Amino acid sequence: MATSSIGRAIVLNDEMADRLIEQMEEVEANPPTPHTVKIKWGDPKKFAEALSRKYAHEE
């Protein structure tokens, strides 16, 4: 099995192709749990006040 992408070839022997197929089937049968990453930027009130102070007098 071989495929090319942007000028590069990926060559898999039969053993590697079989392992890849097994892993893909495993992930399809048991998908990982979805998760989200939350980034805490700070207090929204303080952020709004800082924006208001900085840009209140600009046009």
C-alpha atoms as a PDB file:
ATOM      1  CA  MET A   1       0.000   0.000   0.000  1.00  0.00           C
ATOM      2  CA  ALA A   2       1.415   3.380  -0.932  1.00  0.00           C
ATOM      3  CA  THR A   3      -0.007   6.854  -1.148  1.00  0.00           C
ATOM      4  CA  SER A   4       1.490  10.200  -1.998  1.00  0.00           C
ATOM      5  CA  SER A   5       0.754  13.546  -0.463  1.00  0.00           C
ATOM      6  CA  ILE A   6       2.355  16.826  -1.517  1.00  0.00           C
ATOM      7  CA  GLY A   7       5.168  15.055  -3.295  1.00  0.00           C
ATOM      8  CA  ARG A   8       6.016  12.629  -0.493  1.00  0.00           C
ATOM      9  CA  ALA A   9       5.351   8.912  -0.608  1.00  0.00           C
ATOM     10  CA  ILE A  10       4.225   6.875   2.375  1.00  0.00           C
ATOM     11  CA  VAL A  11       4.982   3.192   1.928  1.00  0.00           C
ATOM     12  CA  LEU A  12       3.513   0.603   4.274  1.00  0.00           C
ATOM     13  CA  ASN A  13       4.394  -3.074   4.222  1.00  0.00           C
ATOM     14  CA  ASP A  14       1.631  -5.612   4.840  1.00  0.00           C
ATOM     15  CA  GLU A  15       2.306  -5.846   8.592  1.00  0.00           C
ATOM     16  CA  MET A  16       2.235  -2.059   9.051  1.00  0.00           C
ATOM     17  CA  ALA A  17      -0.943  -1.769   6.957  1.00  0.00           C
ATOM     18  CA  ASP A  18      -2.644  -4.481   9.041  1.00  0.00           C
ATOM     19  CA  ARG A  19      -1.684  -2.725  12.292  1.00  0.00           C
ATOM     20  CA  LEU A  20      -2.940   0.597  10.964  1.00  0.00           C
ATOM     21  CA  ILE A  21      -6.261  -0.938   9.923  1.00  0.00           C
ATOM     22  CA  GLU A  22      -6.637  -2.631  13.346  1.00  0.00           C
ATOM     23  CA  GLN A  23      -5.956   0.643  15.146  1.00  0.00           C
ATOM     24  CA  MET A  24      -8.414   2.549  12.951  1.00  0.00           C
ATOM     25  CA  GLU A  25     -11.096  -0.068  13.607  1.00  0.00           C
ATOM     26  CA  GLU A  26     -10.394   0.092  17.367  1.00  0.00           C
ATOM     27  CA  VAL A  27     -10.751   3.882  17.427  1.00  0.00           C
ATOM     28  CA  GLU A  28     -13.925   3.674  15.350  1.00  0.00           C
ATOM     29  CA  ALA A  29     -15.409   1.047  17.703  1.00  0.00           C
ATOM     30  CA  ASN A  30     -14.321   2.867  20.887  1.00  0.00           C
ATOM     31  CA  PRO A  31     -13.948   6.570  20.129  1.00  0.00           C
ATOM     32  CA  PRO A  32     -12.112   8.707  22.667  1.00  0.00           C
ATOM     33  CA  THR A  33     -14.250  10.840  24.933  1.00  0.00           C
ATOM     34  CA  PRO A  34     -14.588  14.403  23.693  1.00  0.00           C
ATOM     35  CA  HIS A  35     -13.090  17.106  25.848  1.00  0.00           C
ATOM     36  CA  THR A  36     -12.860  20.847  25.816  1.00  0.00           C
ATOM     37  CA  VAL A  37     -10.067  23.049  26.989  1.00  0.00           C
ATOM     38  CA  LYS A  38     -11.102  26.127  28.909  1.00  0.00           C
ATOM     39  CA  ILE A  39      -8.716  29.025  29.236  1.00  0.00           C
ATOM     40  CA  LYS A  40      -9.389  31.393  32.089  1.00  0.00           C
ATOM     41  CA  TRP A  41      -8.638  34.898  30.889  1.00  0.00           C
ATOM     42  CA  GLY A  42      -9.583  36.667  34.070  1.00  0.00           C
ATOM     43  CA  ASP A  43     -12.534  38.456  35.567  1.00  0.00           C
ATOM     44  CA  PRO A  44     -14.907  39.583  32.777  1.00  0.00           C
ATOM     45  CA  LYS A  45     -15.866  42.741  34.730  1.00  0.00           C
ATOM     46  CA  LYS A  46     -12.259  43.837  35.131  1.00  0.00           C
ATOM     47  CA  PHE A  47     -11.596  43.079  31.478  1.00  0.00           C
ATOM     48  CA  ALA A  48     -14.604  45.157  30.378  1.00  0.00           C
ATOM     49  CA  GLU A  49     -13.527  48.032  32.643  1.00  0.00           C
ATOM     50  CA  ALA A  50      -9.991  47.954  31.224  1.00  0.00           C
ATOM     51  CA  LEU A  51     -11.330  48.027  27.664  1.00  0.00           C
ATOM     52  CA  SER A  52     -13.680  50.845  28.510  1.00  0.00           C
ATOM     53  CA  ARG A  53     -10.880  52.911  30.090  1.00  0.00           C
ATOM     54  CA  LYS A  54      -8.550  52.331  27.154  1.00  0.00           C
ATOM     55  CA  TYR A  55     -11.002  52.932  24.307  1.00  0.00           C
ATOM     56  CA  ALA A  56     -13.682  55.190  25.836  1.00  0.00           C
ATOM     57  CA  HIS A  57     -12.209  58.426  24.462  1.00  0.00           C
ATOM     58  CA  GLU A  58     -10.940  57.154  21.129  1.00  0.00           C
ATOM     59  CA  GLU A  59     -12.892  57.595  17.928  1.00  0.00           C
END
